[in-house]
Amino acid sequence: MSVAVGLLSCLWVLGFLRLQVFGTEGALPPDSRIPTVPPGASIVDEGMECASGGCWRRITVQPAAGQTPEDLAHDMGLTEEQSLSPTLFDPGSVYVGARAKEGKLIINVGYL
């Protein structure tokens, strides 16, 4: 059991070091790092975008009927850009940001 825990710990550290040393060019955070969409709202588009700083997930969310994108962002805790610390299953720091566009909420999730 202790060998398995030691091996898993080494793999996590190696994953963390890989992200720190080699950067995150082309890497995307796992689905578990994407904010949960509340009931009534729905994901209408999901994709990946890349630029010179790396790649990120772009999620377009349609707010519930009668809800503005700004209200949805508030409900999801996305009124300001966030920096999420590494987790047990994802050793990279992640940013999450959102903006309203054409009645929808655009959420960007990528590694720092």
Protein backbone atom coordinates (compact mmCIF):
# COMPACT_ATOMS: atom_id res chain seq x y z
CA MET A 1 0.00 0.00 0.00
CA SER A 2 2.75 2.47 0.92
CA VAL A 3 4.54 1.68 -2.35
CA ALA A 4 1.40 2.55 -4.32
CA VAL A 5 0.98 5.83 -2.42
CA GLY A 6 4.64 6.67 -2.99
CA LEU A 7 4.35 5.89 -6.70
CA LEU A 8 1.20 8.01 -7.07
CA SER A 9 2.89 10.87 -5.22
CA CYS A 10 5.87 10.69 -7.57
CA LEU A 11 3.58 10.73 -10.61
CA TRP A 12 1.76 13.83 -9.28
CA VAL A 13 5.05 15.63 -8.64
CA LEU A 14 6.29 14.70 -12.13
CA GLY A 15 3.06 16.03 -13.65
CA PHE A 16 3.40 19.26 -11.69
CA LEU A 17 7.04 19.68 -12.72
CA ARG A 18 6.20 18.95 -16.37
CA LEU A 19 3.64 21.77 -16.37
CA GLN A 20 6.06 24.15 -14.64
CA VAL A 21 9.16 23.36 -16.69
CA PHE A 22 7.75 22.69 -20.14
CA GLY A 23 4.80 25.04 -19.90
CA THR A 24 1.23 24.38 -20.83
CA GLU A 25 1.40 24.96 -24.58
CA GLY A 26 -1.42 22.88 -26.00
CA ALA A 27 -2.47 21.45 -22.63
CA LEU A 28 -6.06 21.85 -21.44
CA PRO A 29 -7.42 21.55 -17.90
CA PRO A 30 -9.66 18.51 -17.35
CA ASP A 31 -13.46 18.78 -17.34
CA SER A 32 -13.41 18.69 -13.53
CA ARG A 33 -11.95 22.23 -13.50
CA ILE A 34 -14.85 23.69 -15.51
CA PRO A 35 -17.41 25.51 -13.32
CA THR A 36 -20.75 23.74 -12.84
CA VAL A 37 -23.59 25.22 -14.88
CA PRO A 38 -26.65 25.83 -12.69
CA PRO A 39 -30.08 24.36 -13.49
CA GLY A 40 -31.93 26.25 -16.21
CA ALA A 41 -28.77 27.38 -17.98
CA SER A 42 -27.31 25.24 -20.73
CA ILE A 43 -24.03 24.83 -22.57
CA VAL A 44 -24.62 25.72 -26.23
CA ASP A 45 -21.05 25.51 -27.50
CA GLU A 46 -17.77 24.16 -26.25
CA GLY A 47 -14.39 24.33 -27.92
CA MET A 48 -10.71 25.03 -27.68
CA GLU A 49 -8.81 28.17 -28.65
CA CYS A 50 -5.07 28.69 -28.83
CA ALA A 51 -2.75 31.67 -29.05
CA SER A 52 0.90 32.34 -28.29
CA GLY A 53 0.28 31.98 -24.55
CA GLY A 54 -1.20 28.50 -24.75
CA CYS A 55 -4.63 26.94 -25.17
CA TRP A 56 -7.84 27.21 -23.20
CA ARG A 57 -11.35 25.80 -23.15
CA ARG A 58 -14.10 28.15 -24.29
CA ILE A 59 -17.59 27.31 -23.06
CA THR A 60 -20.64 29.29 -24.21
CA VAL A 61 -23.56 29.15 -21.79
CA GLN A 62 -27.14 30.24 -22.49
CA PRO A 63 -28.64 31.70 -19.29
CA ALA A 64 -32.00 30.47 -18.02
CA ALA A 65 -35.10 32.27 -19.28
CA GLY A 66 -35.28 35.75 -17.76
CA GLN A 67 -31.67 35.64 -16.56
CA THR A 68 -28.93 37.93 -17.87
CA PRO A 69 -25.41 36.67 -18.56
CA GLU A 70 -24.18 38.95 -15.76
CA ASP A 71 -26.63 37.34 -13.32
CA LEU A 72 -25.49 33.90 -14.44
CA ALA A 73 -21.84 34.88 -13.92
CA HIS A 74 -22.73 36.07 -10.42
CA ASP A 75 -24.57 32.82 -9.65
CA MET A 76 -21.56 30.82 -10.85
CA GLY A 77 -19.11 32.94 -8.84
CA LEU A 78 -17.45 34.25 -12.01
CA THR A 79 -17.79 38.01 -11.58
CA GLU A 80 -13.97 38.24 -11.44
CA GLU A 81 -11.23 36.17 -13.03
CA GLN A 82 -10.14 33.40 -10.70
CA SER A 83 -6.91 31.53 -10.19
CA LEU A 84 -7.45 27.96 -8.99
CA SER A 85 -4.70 26.10 -7.14
CA PRO A 86 -3.47 22.67 -8.23
CA THR A 87 -5.59 19.73 -7.12
CA LEU A 88 -4.88 16.09 -6.41
CA PHE A 89 -5.93 15.08 -9.94
CA ASP A 90 -4.69 18.17 -11.80
CA PRO A 91 -1.26 19.48 -10.78
CA GLY A 92 -1.55 22.76 -12.71
CA SER A 93 -2.81 26.19 -11.63
CA VAL A 94 -5.89 27.15 -13.65
CA TYR A 95 -7.51 30.48 -14.50
CA VAL A 96 -11.24 30.84 -15.00
CA GLY A 97 -12.73 33.96 -16.52
CA ALA A 98 -16.12 34.91 -17.95
CA ARG A 99 -17.65 37.69 -20.03
CA ALA A 100 -21.05 38.43 -21.48
CA LYS A 101 -21.44 38.42 -25.25
CA GLU A 102 -24.64 38.61 -27.31
CA GLY A 103 -26.87 37.43 -24.46
CA LYS A 104 -24.66 34.49 -23.53
CA LEU A 105 -21.90 33.90 -21.00
CA ILE A 106 -18.49 32.99 -22.45
CA ILE A 107 -16.33 31.08 -19.96
CA ASN A 108 -12.60 30.56 -20.54
CA VAL A 109 -10.67 27.94 -18.58
CA GLY A 110 -6.93 27.40 -19.07
CA TYR A 111 -3.63 26.82 -17.35
CA LEU A 112 -1.67 29.78 -16.01
